[in-house]
Amino acid sequence: MRSRLAATAVAALVLLGSVVMASPARADGGQSVDEGYVMVLQALSFLVNDPGPDGTAQALAMVDDALSAEDQDGVDVQTLERAAISLEAGQAEEARTLLQESIAEAVAALEPAIGEESGTTVMLAPLPPRGALSVTDWFFLVLSVIVAAVGIALAVIFRPHESLRELRREITAAKGTRGDAASTQEES
């Protein structure tokens, strides 16, 4: 009884200790949110995910915050200012290139990727969405519908009239009739 109580107390202390000692996960990889490098990365992510006016406005706000940040280690401020001008002019592609150039020093200082880490901060443009169906697409779509319709029609036309259960009964009855006929011939 005492050993069970002691084991429960130890388990409770371990659980309590792990809850009290655990620190919350940070999405910034341990870097300060006030760091200019992190703000430039966030601006890049806004541009990549939404190159339209909303994404550009959010990216411009992050660039302005990065320009006013106290910690600008690894950020080329002049290139960052040119990126802000490009964003204000609505030139998202040029701004994205300038933003990547503005943190090239910080990226070069990063340790190489190990294992499953990608280690890259170059953000590619999203894939273009699929457009309208081409003539070839329509041809194969219609052809597949025709083939499916012909298959269904053939299955209905050549379907047996009896179900499997009825066929089994007929086969069993036929075996029974043959067996009766053979036994009557032996008796005669």
N, C-alpha and C. Protein backbone atom coordinates (compact mmCIF):
# COMPACT_ATOMS: atom_id res chain seq x y z
N MET A 1 0.83 -1.19 0.00
CA MET A 1 0.00 0.00 0.00
C MET A 1 0.87 1.25 0.00
N ARG A 2 1.93 1.23 0.86
CA ARG A 2 2.81 2.40 0.93
C ARG A 2 3.59 2.57 -0.37
N SER A 3 3.98 1.46 -1.00
CA SER A 3 4.75 1.56 -2.25
C SER A 3 3.86 2.13 -3.36
N ARG A 4 2.59 1.75 -3.37
CA ARG A 4 1.68 2.29 -4.37
C ARG A 4 1.47 3.79 -4.14
N LEU A 5 1.34 4.20 -2.90
CA LEU A 5 1.17 5.61 -2.55
C LEU A 5 2.43 6.40 -2.92
N ALA A 6 3.60 5.81 -2.67
CA ALA A 6 4.86 6.47 -3.00
C ALA A 6 5.01 6.61 -4.52
N ALA A 7 4.64 5.56 -5.25
CA ALA A 7 4.74 5.61 -6.71
C ALA A 7 3.80 6.67 -7.27
N THR A 8 2.61 6.79 -6.71
CA THR A 8 1.65 7.80 -7.15
C THR A 8 2.18 9.20 -6.86
N ALA A 9 2.79 9.38 -5.69
CA ALA A 9 3.34 10.69 -5.32
C ALA A 9 4.49 11.07 -6.26
N VAL A 10 5.36 10.11 -6.58
CA VAL A 10 6.48 10.39 -7.48
C VAL A 10 5.95 10.74 -8.87
N ALA A 11 4.96 9.99 -9.35
CA ALA A 11 4.38 10.27 -10.66
C ALA A 11 3.74 11.66 -10.69
N ALA A 12 3.06 12.03 -9.62
CA ALA A 12 2.44 13.36 -9.54
C ALA A 12 3.51 14.45 -9.54
N LEU A 13 4.60 14.24 -8.81
CA LEU A 13 5.68 15.23 -8.78
C LEU A 13 6.34 15.37 -10.15
N VAL A 14 6.56 14.25 -10.83
CA VAL A 14 7.17 14.30 -12.17
C VAL A 14 6.25 15.04 -13.13
N LEU A 15 4.96 14.75 -13.08
CA LEU A 15 4.00 15.42 -13.95
C LEU A 15 3.93 16.91 -13.64
N LEU A 16 3.87 17.25 -12.37
CA LEU A 16 3.82 18.65 -11.97
C LEU A 16 5.10 19.36 -12.37
N GLY A 17 6.24 18.72 -12.20
CA GLY A 17 7.51 19.32 -12.58
C GLY A 17 7.62 19.55 -14.08
N SER A 18 7.12 18.61 -14.86
CA SER A 18 7.20 18.79 -16.31
C SER A 18 6.28 19.91 -16.79
N VAL A 19 5.14 20.09 -16.12
CA VAL A 19 4.23 21.16 -16.50
C VAL A 19 4.81 22.51 -16.09
N VAL A 20 5.37 22.59 -14.91
CA VAL A 20 5.91 23.85 -14.41
C VAL A 20 7.18 24.24 -15.16
N MET A 21 8.03 23.27 -15.47
CA MET A 21 9.32 23.56 -16.08
C MET A 21 9.25 23.70 -17.60
N ALA A 22 8.17 23.26 -18.23
CA ALA A 22 8.07 23.32 -19.69
C ALA A 22 7.92 24.76 -20.14
N SER A 23 8.65 25.10 -21.19
CA SER A 23 8.52 26.45 -21.74
C SER A 23 7.67 26.36 -23.01
N PRO A 24 6.92 27.39 -23.30
CA PRO A 24 6.08 27.35 -24.49
C PRO A 24 6.93 27.34 -25.76
N ALA A 25 6.41 26.74 -26.80
CA ALA A 25 7.11 26.69 -28.09
C ALA A 25 7.07 28.07 -28.73
N ARG A 26 8.17 28.40 -29.41
CA ARG A 26 8.24 29.69 -30.06
C ARG A 26 8.27 29.49 -31.56
N ALA A 27 7.49 30.27 -32.26
CA ALA A 27 7.40 30.13 -33.71
C ALA A 27 8.52 30.87 -34.43
N ASP A 28 9.26 31.70 -33.73
CA ASP A 28 10.30 32.48 -34.40
C ASP A 28 11.66 31.81 -34.35
N GLY A 29 11.72 30.53 -33.95
CA GLY A 29 12.98 29.81 -33.94
C GLY A 29 13.94 30.31 -32.87
N GLY A 30 13.42 30.92 -31.82
CA GLY A 30 14.27 31.41 -30.75
C GLY A 30 14.80 32.80 -30.99
N GLN A 31 14.43 33.42 -32.09
CA GLN A 31 14.91 34.76 -32.38
C GLN A 31 13.91 35.78 -31.87
N SER A 32 14.40 36.94 -31.56
CA SER A 32 13.54 38.00 -31.07
C SER A 32 12.65 38.53 -32.18
N VAL A 33 11.42 38.82 -31.85
CA VAL A 33 10.49 39.36 -32.83
C VAL A 33 10.91 40.78 -33.22
N ASP A 34 11.68 41.44 -32.38
CA ASP A 34 12.15 42.80 -32.66
C ASP A 34 13.35 42.80 -33.60
N GLU A 35 13.84 41.63 -33.96
CA GLU A 35 15.02 41.53 -34.81
C GLU A 35 14.64 41.85 -36.25
N GLY A 36 15.40 42.72 -36.89
CA GLY A 36 15.11 43.14 -38.25
C GLY A 36 15.11 41.98 -39.23
N TYR A 37 16.02 41.03 -39.04
CA TYR A 37 16.12 39.86 -39.92
C TYR A 37 14.81 39.07 -39.93
N VAL A 38 14.23 38.87 -38.75
CA VAL A 38 12.98 38.12 -38.64
C VAL A 38 11.84 38.88 -39.32
N MET A 39 11.84 40.19 -39.17
CA MET A 39 10.79 41.00 -39.80
C MET A 39 10.89 40.97 -41.32
N VAL A 40 12.12 40.93 -41.84
CA VAL A 40 12.29 40.83 -43.30
C VAL A 40 11.78 39.48 -43.78
N LEU A 41 12.07 38.42 -43.04
CA LEU A 41 11.55 37.10 -43.40
C LEU A 41 10.02 37.08 -43.40
N GLN A 42 9.42 37.75 -42.43
CA GLN A 42 7.97 37.82 -42.38
C GLN A 42 7.42 38.62 -43.55
N ALA A 43 8.10 39.68 -43.93
CA ALA A 43 7.68 40.47 -45.09
C ALA A 43 7.76 39.62 -46.35
N LEU A 44 8.82 38.83 -46.46
CA LEU A 44 8.95 37.93 -47.61
C LEU A 44 7.81 36.91 -47.65
N SER A 45 7.45 36.39 -46.51
CA SER A 45 6.36 35.41 -46.48
C SER A 45 5.03 36.04 -46.89
N PHE A 46 4.81 37.29 -46.50
CA PHE A 46 3.59 37.98 -46.94
C PHE A 46 3.57 38.14 -48.46
N LEU A 47 4.71 38.50 -49.03
CA LEU A 47 4.78 38.70 -50.49
C LEU A 47 4.59 37.40 -51.24
N VAL A 48 5.14 36.32 -50.72
CA VAL A 48 5.04 35.04 -51.41
C VAL A 48 3.62 34.51 -51.34
N ASN A 49 2.99 34.60 -50.19
CA ASN A 49 1.65 34.04 -50.02
C ASN A 49 0.56 34.89 -50.67
N ASP A 50 0.76 36.19 -50.73
CA ASP A 50 -0.24 37.06 -51.34
C ASP A 50 0.47 38.22 -52.04
N PRO A 51 0.84 38.06 -53.32
CA PRO A 51 1.54 39.13 -54.01
C PRO A 51 0.63 40.30 -54.41
N GLY A 52 -0.63 40.22 -54.04
CA GLY A 52 -1.58 41.29 -54.36
C GLY A 52 -1.43 42.47 -53.42
N PRO A 53 -2.40 43.37 -53.46
CA PRO A 53 -2.33 44.59 -52.66
C PRO A 53 -2.32 44.33 -51.14
N ASP A 54 -3.08 43.33 -50.67
CA ASP A 54 -3.10 43.06 -49.23
C ASP A 54 -1.75 42.55 -48.75
N GLY A 55 -1.18 41.58 -49.47
CA GLY A 55 0.12 41.05 -49.10
C GLY A 55 1.21 42.10 -49.18
N THR A 56 1.12 42.96 -50.20
CA THR A 56 2.11 44.03 -50.35
C THR A 56 2.00 45.02 -49.20
N ALA A 57 0.79 45.33 -48.79
CA ALA A 57 0.60 46.26 -47.66
C ALA A 57 1.15 45.67 -46.37
N GLN A 58 0.89 44.39 -46.13
CA GLN A 58 1.41 43.75 -44.92
C GLN A 58 2.93 43.66 -44.97
N ALA A 59 3.48 43.36 -46.15
CA ALA A 59 4.94 43.30 -46.29
C ALA A 59 5.55 44.67 -46.06
N LEU A 60 4.91 45.72 -46.57
CA LEU A 60 5.42 47.08 -46.36
C LEU A 60 5.41 47.44 -44.88
N ALA A 61 4.36 47.04 -44.16
CA ALA A 61 4.32 47.30 -42.71
C ALA A 61 5.46 46.58 -41.99
N MET A 62 5.75 45.35 -42.41
CA MET A 62 6.85 44.61 -41.77
C MET A 62 8.20 45.23 -42.11
N VAL A 63 8.36 45.72 -43.35
CA VAL A 63 9.61 46.38 -43.75
C VAL A 63 9.78 47.67 -42.95
N ASP A 64 8.70 48.42 -42.76
CA ASP A 64 8.78 49.64 -41.95
C ASP A 64 9.18 49.31 -40.51
N ASP A 65 8.63 48.22 -39.98
CA ASP A 65 9.01 47.79 -38.62
C ASP A 65 10.47 47.36 -38.59
N ALA A 66 10.93 46.70 -39.63
CA ALA A 66 12.33 46.26 -39.69
C ALA A 66 13.27 47.45 -39.78
N LEU A 67 12.84 48.49 -40.50
CA LEU A 67 13.68 49.69 -40.60
C LEU A 67 13.77 50.43 -39.26
N SER A 68 12.72 50.35 -38.46
CA SER A 68 12.73 51.03 -37.16
C SER A 68 13.17 50.13 -36.02
N ALA A 69 13.53 48.88 -36.31
CA ALA A 69 13.94 47.93 -35.26
C ALA A 69 15.31 48.32 -34.72
N GLU A 70 15.52 48.03 -33.44
CA GLU A 70 16.81 48.32 -32.81
C GLU A 70 17.88 47.35 -33.29
N ASP A 71 17.54 46.08 -33.43
CA ASP A 71 18.49 45.05 -33.82
C ASP A 71 18.38 44.80 -35.32
N GLN A 72 19.35 45.30 -36.07
CA GLN A 72 19.35 45.12 -37.52
C GLN A 72 20.58 44.35 -37.99
N ASP A 73 21.07 43.46 -37.14
CA ASP A 73 22.23 42.66 -37.50
C ASP A 73 21.90 41.78 -38.70
N GLY A 74 22.78 41.78 -39.68
CA GLY A 74 22.60 40.94 -40.85
C GLY A 74 21.66 41.51 -41.89
N VAL A 75 21.18 42.73 -41.68
CA VAL A 75 20.25 43.35 -42.63
C VAL A 75 20.93 44.55 -43.28
N ASP A 76 20.93 44.59 -44.61
CA ASP A 76 21.45 45.73 -45.35
C ASP A 76 20.35 46.78 -45.41
N VAL A 77 20.50 47.83 -44.62
CA VAL A 77 19.44 48.83 -44.45
C VAL A 77 19.17 49.57 -45.76
N GLN A 78 20.21 49.89 -46.54
CA GLN A 78 20.01 50.61 -47.80
C GLN A 78 19.18 49.78 -48.79
N THR A 79 19.48 48.48 -48.87
CA THR A 79 18.71 47.61 -49.75
C THR A 79 17.28 47.47 -49.24
N LEU A 80 17.14 47.44 -47.93
CA LEU A 80 15.80 47.35 -47.32
C LEU A 80 14.99 48.61 -47.63
N GLU A 81 15.62 49.77 -47.63
CA GLU A 81 14.93 51.01 -47.98
C GLU A 81 14.50 51.00 -49.44
N ARG A 82 15.37 50.46 -50.33
CA ARG A 82 14.98 50.34 -51.75
C ARG A 82 13.81 49.38 -51.91
N ALA A 83 13.79 48.33 -51.09
CA ALA A 83 12.67 47.39 -51.13
C ALA A 83 11.37 48.07 -50.70
N ALA A 84 11.47 48.94 -49.70
CA ALA A 84 10.28 49.68 -49.24
C ALA A 84 9.75 50.58 -50.35
N ILE A 85 10.67 51.22 -51.09
CA ILE A 85 10.25 52.08 -52.20
C ILE A 85 9.56 51.24 -53.28
N SER A 86 10.11 50.06 -53.56
CA SER A 86 9.49 49.17 -54.56
C SER A 86 8.11 48.71 -54.12
N LEU A 87 7.96 48.42 -52.83
CA LEU A 87 6.66 48.01 -52.31
C LEU A 87 5.64 49.13 -52.43
N GLU A 88 6.08 50.36 -52.12
CA GLU A 88 5.17 51.50 -52.23
C GLU A 88 4.75 51.73 -53.68
N ALA A 89 5.65 51.37 -54.63
CA ALA A 89 5.33 51.53 -56.04
C ALA A 89 4.51 50.36 -56.58
N GLY A 90 4.32 49.32 -55.74
CA GLY A 90 3.52 48.17 -56.16
C GLY A 90 4.29 47.14 -56.97
N GLN A 91 5.61 47.18 -56.91
CA GLN A 91 6.45 46.24 -57.66
C GLN A 91 6.87 45.10 -56.72
N ALA A 92 6.00 44.12 -56.58
CA ALA A 92 6.21 43.05 -55.61
C ALA A 92 7.41 42.16 -55.96
N GLU A 93 7.60 41.84 -57.24
CA GLU A 93 8.72 40.97 -57.63
C GLU A 93 10.05 41.62 -57.32
N GLU A 94 10.20 42.89 -57.69
CA GLU A 94 11.44 43.60 -57.42
C GLU A 94 11.66 43.73 -55.92
N ALA A 95 10.60 44.00 -55.19
CA ALA A 95 10.72 44.13 -53.73
C ALA A 95 11.14 42.81 -53.11
N ARG A 96 10.60 41.71 -53.60
CA ARG A 96 10.98 40.40 -53.05
C ARG A 96 12.46 40.12 -53.28
N THR A 97 12.94 40.44 -54.47
CA THR A 97 14.37 40.26 -54.76
C THR A 97 15.22 41.13 -53.86
N LEU A 98 14.82 42.37 -53.67
CA LEU A 98 15.57 43.29 -52.81
C LEU A 98 15.54 42.84 -51.35
N LEU A 99 14.40 42.33 -50.90
CA LEU A 99 14.32 41.84 -49.53
C LEU A 99 15.26 40.66 -49.32
N GLN A 100 15.33 39.76 -50.30
CA GLN A 100 16.24 38.63 -50.18
C GLN A 100 17.69 39.09 -50.18
N GLU A 101 17.99 40.11 -51.01
CA GLU A 101 19.35 40.65 -51.02
C GLU A 101 19.68 41.34 -49.70
N SER A 102 18.67 41.95 -49.06
CA SER A 102 18.94 42.70 -47.83
C SER A 102 19.33 41.80 -46.67
N ILE A 103 18.97 40.53 -46.73
CA ILE A 103 19.36 39.62 -45.64
C ILE A 103 20.39 38.59 -46.09
N ALA A 104 21.03 38.83 -47.23
CA ALA A 104 22.01 37.88 -47.77
C ALA A 104 23.15 37.66 -46.78
N GLU A 105 23.56 38.70 -46.08
CA GLU A 105 24.64 38.58 -45.09
C GLU A 105 24.23 37.66 -43.95
N ALA A 106 23.02 37.82 -43.46
CA ALA A 106 22.54 36.98 -42.36
C ALA A 106 22.37 35.54 -42.82
N VAL A 107 21.92 35.35 -44.05
CA VAL A 107 21.73 33.99 -44.57
C VAL A 107 23.08 33.31 -44.74
N ALA A 108 24.09 34.07 -45.20
CA ALA A 108 25.42 33.50 -45.38
C ALA A 108 26.03 33.09 -44.04
N ALA A 109 25.62 33.74 -42.97
CA ALA A 109 26.16 33.43 -41.65
C ALA A 109 25.48 32.22 -41.00
N LEU A 110 24.38 31.76 -41.58
CA LEU A 110 23.67 30.61 -41.00
C LEU A 110 24.50 29.34 -41.14
N GLU A 111 24.33 28.46 -40.18
CA GLU A 111 25.00 27.16 -40.26
C GLU A 111 24.34 26.34 -41.36
N PRO A 112 25.11 25.43 -41.99
CA PRO A 112 24.49 24.61 -43.04
C PRO A 112 23.38 23.73 -42.48
N ALA A 113 22.45 23.39 -43.35
CA ALA A 113 21.33 22.55 -42.96
C ALA A 113 21.82 21.16 -42.60
N ILE A 114 21.20 20.57 -41.57
CA ILE A 114 21.57 19.23 -41.11
C ILE A 114 20.32 18.38 -41.11
N GLY A 115 20.41 17.20 -41.68
CA GLY A 115 19.28 16.26 -41.64
C GLY A 115 18.11 16.76 -42.45
N GLU A 116 16.96 16.88 -41.82
CA GLU A 116 15.74 17.22 -42.53
C GLU A 116 15.50 18.73 -42.62
N GLU A 117 16.37 19.54 -42.04
CA GLU A 117 16.18 20.98 -42.09
C GLU A 117 16.47 21.48 -43.49
N SER A 118 15.68 22.38 -43.99
CA SER A 118 15.89 22.88 -45.35
C SER A 118 17.02 23.91 -45.37
N GLY A 119 17.08 24.78 -44.38
CA GLY A 119 18.16 25.75 -44.29
C GLY A 119 18.07 26.88 -45.28
N THR A 120 17.02 27.01 -46.03
CA THR A 120 16.93 28.05 -47.03
C THR A 120 15.96 29.14 -46.60
N THR A 121 16.23 30.34 -47.04
CA THR A 121 15.30 31.44 -46.78
C THR A 121 14.85 32.06 -48.09
N VAL A 122 15.19 31.45 -49.23
CA VAL A 122 14.72 31.94 -50.52
C VAL A 122 13.28 31.48 -50.68
N MET A 123 12.40 32.40 -50.92
CA MET A 123 10.99 32.07 -51.03
C MET A 123 10.57 32.20 -52.48
N LEU A 124 10.15 31.08 -53.05
CA LEU A 124 9.75 31.06 -54.44
C LEU A 124 8.30 31.50 -54.58
N ALA A 125 7.97 31.96 -55.76
CA ALA A 125 6.60 32.38 -56.03
C ALA A 125 5.69 31.16 -56.01
N PRO A 126 4.44 31.33 -55.61
CA PRO A 126 3.52 30.18 -55.61
C PRO A 126 3.27 29.69 -57.03
N LEU A 127 2.91 28.42 -57.14
CA LEU A 127 2.61 27.86 -58.45
C LEU A 127 1.36 28.51 -59.02
N PRO A 128 1.34 28.76 -60.33
CA PRO A 128 0.15 29.39 -60.91
C PRO A 128 -1.02 28.41 -60.86
N PRO A 129 -2.22 28.93 -60.64
CA PRO A 129 -3.39 28.03 -60.59
C PRO A 129 -3.69 27.46 -61.97
N ARG A 130 -4.39 26.36 -61.98
CA ARG A 130 -4.76 25.70 -63.25
C ARG A 130 -5.81 26.56 -63.94
N GLY A 131 -5.62 26.77 -65.22
CA GLY A 131 -6.54 27.60 -65.99
C GLY A 131 -7.74 26.79 -66.46
N ALA A 132 -8.42 27.33 -67.47
CA ALA A 132 -9.60 26.67 -68.04
C ALA A 132 -9.17 25.41 -68.78
N LEU A 133 -10.13 24.52 -69.03
CA LEU A 133 -9.84 23.27 -69.73
C LEU A 133 -9.52 23.57 -71.20
N SER A 134 -8.49 22.88 -71.71
CA SER A 134 -8.12 23.04 -73.11
C SER A 134 -8.97 22.10 -73.97
N VAL A 135 -8.79 22.16 -75.27
CA VAL A 135 -9.54 21.31 -76.19
C VAL A 135 -9.22 19.85 -75.93
N THR A 136 -7.94 19.56 -75.67
CA THR A 136 -7.54 18.18 -75.38
C THR A 136 -8.17 17.69 -74.08
N ASP A 137 -8.21 18.54 -73.08
CA ASP A 137 -8.85 18.17 -71.80
C ASP A 137 -10.32 17.83 -72.01
N TRP A 138 -11.01 18.68 -72.78
CA TRP A 138 -12.43 18.43 -73.05
C TRP A 138 -12.63 17.13 -73.82
N PHE A 139 -11.73 16.85 -74.80
CA PHE A 139 -11.83 15.63 -75.58
C PHE A 139 -11.74 14.41 -74.68
N PHE A 140 -10.73 14.38 -73.80
CA PHE A 140 -10.56 13.22 -72.94
C PHE A 140 -11.67 13.12 -71.89
N LEU A 141 -12.20 14.24 -71.45
CA LEU A 141 -13.31 14.23 -70.51
C LEU A 141 -14.55 13.61 -71.16
N VAL A 142 -14.88 14.05 -72.37
CA VAL A 142 -16.05 13.51 -73.09
C VAL A 142 -15.82 12.04 -73.41
N LEU A 143 -14.60 11.69 -73.85
CA LEU A 143 -14.29 10.30 -74.17
C LEU A 143 -14.46 9.39 -72.95
N SER A 144 -14.01 9.84 -71.80
CA SER A 144 -14.14 9.02 -70.59
C SER A 144 -15.60 8.86 -70.17
N VAL A 145 -16.42 9.89 -70.35
CA VAL A 145 -17.85 9.78 -70.03
C VAL A 145 -18.52 8.80 -70.99
N ILE A 146 -18.16 8.84 -72.27
CA ILE A 146 -18.73 7.90 -73.25
C ILE A 146 -18.34 6.47 -72.91
N VAL A 147 -17.07 6.24 -72.58
CA VAL A 147 -16.61 4.90 -72.24
C VAL A 147 -17.34 4.39 -71.00
N ALA A 148 -17.53 5.24 -70.01
CA ALA A 148 -18.25 4.83 -68.80
C ALA A 148 -19.71 4.50 -69.12
N ALA A 149 -20.34 5.29 -69.96
CA ALA A 149 -21.74 5.04 -70.33
C ALA A 149 -21.87 3.73 -71.11
N VAL A 150 -20.94 3.47 -72.03
CA VAL A 150 -20.98 2.22 -72.79
C VAL A 150 -20.77 1.03 -71.86
N GLY A 151 -19.87 1.16 -70.91
CA GLY A 151 -19.63 0.08 -69.94
C GLY A 151 -20.87 -0.22 -69.12
N ILE A 152 -21.54 0.80 -68.66
CA ILE A 152 -22.77 0.60 -67.88
C ILE A 152 -23.85 -0.03 -68.75
N ALA A 153 -23.99 0.43 -69.99
CA ALA A 153 -25.01 -0.13 -70.89
C ALA A 153 -24.73 -1.60 -71.17
N LEU A 154 -23.48 -1.97 -71.42
CA LEU A 154 -23.13 -3.37 -71.66
C LEU A 154 -23.38 -4.24 -70.43
N ALA A 155 -23.10 -3.70 -69.25
CA ALA A 155 -23.36 -4.45 -68.02
C ALA A 155 -24.85 -4.71 -67.84
N VAL A 156 -25.68 -3.75 -68.19
CA VAL A 156 -27.13 -3.93 -68.07
C VAL A 156 -27.65 -4.90 -69.13
N ILE A 157 -27.16 -4.77 -70.35
CA ILE A 157 -27.64 -5.63 -71.45
C ILE A 157 -27.27 -7.09 -71.22
N PHE A 158 -26.05 -7.37 -70.83
CA PHE A 158 -25.58 -8.74 -70.71
C PHE A 158 -25.68 -9.31 -69.30
N ARG A 159 -26.43 -8.65 -68.46
CA ARG A 159 -26.64 -9.15 -67.10
C ARG A 159 -27.49 -10.41 -67.17
N PRO A 160 -27.12 -11.46 -66.43
CA PRO A 160 -27.95 -12.68 -66.46
C PRO A 160 -29.33 -12.41 -65.84
N HIS A 161 -30.31 -13.15 -66.33
CA HIS A 161 -31.68 -12.93 -65.85
C HIS A 161 -31.88 -13.48 -64.45
N GLU A 162 -31.18 -14.57 -64.13
CA GLU A 162 -31.29 -15.17 -62.81
C GLU A 162 -30.20 -14.61 -61.91
N SER A 163 -30.52 -14.56 -60.62
CA SER A 163 -29.51 -14.15 -59.66
C SER A 163 -28.62 -15.35 -59.34
N LEU A 164 -27.53 -15.12 -58.65
CA LEU A 164 -26.64 -16.21 -58.27
C LEU A 164 -27.35 -17.22 -57.38
N ARG A 165 -28.20 -16.75 -56.51
CA ARG A 165 -28.94 -17.64 -55.61
C ARG A 165 -29.84 -18.59 -56.42
N GLU A 166 -30.53 -18.03 -57.43
CA GLU A 166 -31.38 -18.87 -58.27
C GLU A 166 -30.56 -19.88 -59.07
N LEU A 167 -29.41 -19.46 -59.57
CA LEU A 167 -28.55 -20.38 -60.31
C LEU A 167 -28.05 -21.51 -59.42
N ARG A 168 -27.71 -21.22 -58.18
CA ARG A 168 -27.26 -22.26 -57.24
C ARG A 168 -28.39 -23.27 -56.98
N ARG A 169 -29.61 -22.77 -56.81
CA ARG A 169 -30.74 -23.66 -56.58
C ARG A 169 -30.96 -24.59 -57.78
N GLU A 170 -30.88 -24.04 -58.98
CA GLU A 170 -31.07 -24.85 -60.18
C GLU A 170 -29.98 -25.91 -60.30
N ILE A 171 -28.74 -25.54 -59.99
CA ILE A 171 -27.63 -26.50 -60.08
C ILE A 171 -27.82 -27.60 -59.04
N THR A 172 -28.21 -27.22 -57.83
CA THR A 172 -28.44 -28.22 -56.78
C THR A 172 -29.61 -29.13 -57.15
N ALA A 173 -30.66 -28.56 -57.69
CA ALA A 173 -31.82 -29.36 -58.10
C ALA A 173 -31.44 -30.30 -59.24
N ALA A 174 -30.61 -29.82 -60.17
CA ALA A 174 -30.19 -30.66 -61.30
C ALA A 174 -29.34 -31.83 -60.80
N LYS A 175 -28.47 -31.62 -59.83
CA LYS A 175 -27.65 -32.69 -59.26
C LYS A 175 -28.54 -33.71 -58.56
N GLY A 176 -29.53 -33.20 -57.85
CA GLY A 176 -30.46 -34.09 -57.15
C GLY A 176 -31.26 -34.93 -58.13
N THR A 177 -31.68 -34.37 -59.24
CA THR A 177 -32.44 -35.10 -60.25
C THR A 177 -31.57 -36.17 -60.90
N ARG A 178 -30.34 -35.86 -61.18
CA ARG A 178 -29.42 -36.82 -61.77
C ARG A 178 -29.16 -37.98 -60.80
N GLY A 179 -29.01 -37.60 -59.54
CA GLY A 179 -28.76 -38.63 -58.52
C GLY A 179 -29.95 -39.56 -58.39
N ASP A 180 -31.18 -39.03 -58.47
CA ASP A 180 -32.39 -39.87 -58.39
C ASP A 180 -32.50 -40.76 -59.61
N ALA A 181 -32.18 -40.22 -60.79
CA ALA A 181 -32.26 -41.01 -62.03
C ALA A 181 -31.24 -42.14 -62.01
N ALA A 182 -30.05 -41.86 -61.51
CA ALA A 182 -29.00 -42.90 -61.47
C ALA A 182 -29.39 -43.99 -60.48
N SER A 183 -29.98 -43.64 -59.35
CA SER A 183 -30.37 -44.65 -58.36
C SER A 183 -31.53 -45.52 -58.85
N THR A 184 -32.46 -44.96 -59.63
CA THR A 184 -33.56 -45.75 -60.17
C THR A 184 -33.08 -46.69 -61.26
N GLN A 185 -32.06 -46.31 -62.03
CA GLN A 185 -31.52 -47.20 -63.05
C GLN A 185 -30.80 -48.36 -62.41
N GLU A 186 -30.12 -48.15 -61.29
CA GLU A 186 -29.41 -49.24 -60.60
C GLU A 186 -30.39 -50.23 -60.02
N GLU A 187 -31.53 -49.79 -59.58
CA GLU A 187 -32.51 -50.66 -58.99
C GLU A 187 -33.17 -51.55 -60.05
N SER A 188 -33.27 -51.11 -61.25
CA SER A 188 -33.93 -51.93 -62.27
C SER A 188 -33.06 -52.97 -62.81
